[in-house]
Protein backbone atom coordinates (compact mmCIF):
# COMPACT_ATOMS: atom_id res chain seq x y z
CA UNK A 1 0.95 23.60 -3.10
CA UNK A 2 3.95 22.38 -4.81
CA UNK A 3 3.66 19.36 -7.12
CA UNK A 4 5.55 16.70 -4.55
CA UNK A 5 2.82 17.72 -1.83
CA UNK A 6 -0.11 17.55 -4.36
CA UNK A 7 1.31 13.84 -4.95
CA UNK A 8 1.60 12.85 -1.47
CA UNK A 9 -1.96 14.16 -0.70
CA UNK A 10 -3.50 12.19 -3.66
CA UNK A 11 -1.42 9.43 -2.47
CA UNK A 12 -2.65 9.61 1.10
CA UNK A 13 -6.32 10.33 0.36
CA UNK A 14 -7.29 9.08 -3.02
CA UNK A 15 -4.69 6.08 -3.55
CA UNK A 16 -4.53 4.61 -0.42
CA UNK A 17 -8.05 4.61 0.13
CA UNK A 18 -8.70 2.60 -2.83
CA UNK A 19 -6.51 0.29 -2.90
CA UNK A 20 -7.35 -0.32 0.99
CA UNK A 21 -11.04 -1.12 -0.35
CA UNK A 22 -10.11 -3.11 -2.96
CA UNK A 23 -7.50 -5.35 -0.92
CA UNK A 24 -9.99 -5.45 2.26
CA UNK A 25 -12.65 -6.87 -0.18
CA UNK A 26 -10.62 -8.96 -1.46
CA UNK A 27 -8.92 -10.42 1.54
CA UNK A 28 -12.31 -11.06 3.05
CA UNK A 29 -13.77 -13.09 0.11
CA UNK A 30 -10.50 -15.39 -0.88
CA UNK A 31 -10.18 -18.11 1.42
CA UNK A 32 -6.76 -17.65 3.31
CA UNK A 33 -5.92 -17.95 7.01
CA UNK A 34 -5.98 -14.56 7.99
CA UNK A 35 -9.69 -14.86 7.65
CA UNK A 36 -11.24 -18.21 7.99
CA UNK A 37 -9.31 -18.74 11.41
CA UNK A 38 -10.88 -15.98 13.09
CA UNK A 39 -13.30 -17.25 15.69
CA UNK A 40 -13.93 -14.08 17.44
CA UNK A 41 -16.20 -12.32 14.62
CA UNK A 42 -19.07 -14.00 13.02
CA UNK A 43 -17.31 -15.40 9.84
CA UNK A 44 -15.31 -14.59 7.03
CA UNK A 45 -17.06 -11.41 4.66
CA UNK A 46 -18.24 -9.84 8.03
CA UNK A 47 -18.15 -5.95 8.37
CA UNK A 48 -16.20 -6.61 11.43
CA UNK A 49 -13.46 -8.55 8.89
CA UNK A 50 -13.49 -5.53 6.04
CA UNK A 51 -13.57 -3.04 8.86
CA UNK A 52 -10.28 -4.42 10.52
CA UNK A 53 -8.37 -5.40 7.44
CA UNK A 54 -8.96 -2.16 5.70
CA UNK A 55 -7.51 0.12 8.74
CA UNK A 56 -4.61 -2.43 9.10
CA UNK A 57 -4.10 -1.88 5.20
CA UNK A 58 -4.95 1.89 4.80
CA UNK A 59 -2.23 2.49 7.89
CA UNK A 60 0.32 -0.13 5.55
CA UNK A 61 -0.85 2.27 2.07
CA UNK A 62 0.12 5.58 4.60
CA UNK A 63 3.47 4.55 5.41
CA UNK A 64 4.22 3.59 1.68
CA UNK A 65 3.13 6.32 0.35
CA UNK A 66 5.03 8.67 3.03
CA UNK A 67 8.13 6.27 2.64
CA UNK A 68 7.59 7.27 -1.47
CA UNK A 69 7.31 11.28 -0.26
CA UNK A 70 10.56 11.12 1.85
CA UNK A 71 12.63 9.30 -1.17
CA UNK A 72 11.48 11.86 -3.53
CA UNK A 73 12.08 14.64 -1.80
CA UNK A 74 15.71 13.53 -0.07
CA UNK A 75 16.52 12.20 -3.77
CA UNK A 76 16.02 14.89 -6.06
CA UNK A 77 18.46 13.20 -8.82
CA UNK A 78 17.02 10.79 -11.52
CA UNK A 79 13.71 9.69 -11.58
CA UNK A 80 15.09 5.69 -11.93
CA UNK A 81 16.95 6.64 -8.71
CA UNK A 82 13.68 7.32 -6.83
CA UNK A 83 12.01 4.49 -8.28
CA UNK A 84 14.58 1.85 -7.33
CA UNK A 85 14.89 3.29 -3.60
CA UNK A 86 11.20 3.71 -3.59
CA UNK A 87 10.27 -0.05 -4.46
CA UNK A 88 13.36 -1.53 -2.61
CA UNK A 89 12.22 0.25 0.80
CA UNK A 90 8.57 -0.95 -0.04
CA UNK A 91 9.78 -4.68 -0.76
CA UNK A 92 11.36 -4.53 2.32
CA UNK A 93 8.23 -3.65 4.33
CA UNK A 94 6.58 -6.24 2.16
CA UNK A 95 9.05 -8.84 3.66
CA UNK A 96 8.71 -7.91 6.71
CA UNK A 97 5.08 -8.02 6.71
CA UNK A 98 5.31 -11.08 5.14
CA UNK A 99 7.32 -12.62 7.87
CA UNK A 100 4.86 -11.75 10.34
CA UNK A 101 1.58 -12.67 9.14
CA UNK A 102 3.01 -15.73 6.74
CA UNK A 103 0.29 -15.13 4.90
CA UNK A 104 1.27 -15.23 0.73
CA UNK A 105 -1.61 -12.64 0.32
CA UNK A 106 0.47 -9.74 1.72
CA UNK A 107 2.13 -9.54 -2.05
CA UNK A 108 -0.79 -7.87 -3.24
CA UNK A 109 1.16 -5.02 -1.67
CA UNK A 110 3.52 -5.49 -4.67
CA UNK A 111 0.47 -4.11 -6.96
CA UNK A 112 0.71 -0.78 -4.59
CA UNK A 113 4.14 -0.39 -5.17
CA UNK A 114 3.52 -0.05 -9.17
CA UNK A 115 0.59 1.91 -8.61
CA UNK A 116 2.37 4.71 -6.78
CA UNK A 117 5.25 4.21 -9.09
CA UNK A 118 3.00 4.77 -12.00
CA UNK A 119 1.41 7.96 -10.75
CA UNK A 120 5.23 9.09 -9.97
CA UNK A 121 5.85 8.68 -13.14
CA UNK A 122 2.83 10.32 -14.64
CA UNK A 123 3.73 13.00 -12.51
CA UNK A 124 7.44 13.41 -13.51
CA UNK A 125 6.64 13.68 -17.24
CA UNK A 126 4.14 16.46 -16.16
CA UNK A 127 6.81 18.45 -14.93
């Protein structure tokens, strides 16, 4: 397996999983509209809410990982261009999600872009 595919697998199964778990934990433990106005579950901090947000965030991280892979595969030029296009597309995705849910906690996903960019830089230096 070449380095790009290894990075994709790491992002899909490792980084996305850890970040989704972390963000889900933060969402259920931080007072915000996404959790406090959910009358259909047992209350903030419940396992149902945690799993719900984990699944949503995991799908978002999978999309971000696949976008990063597509950008890296299509832009074989400099690292700066790859990171620029990846982060711009990622910010657009985060902006769309923000306008859908209207909750500032969505901006935690910007940290995900930084993590994926850092992994890309580390892998680029190992080449």
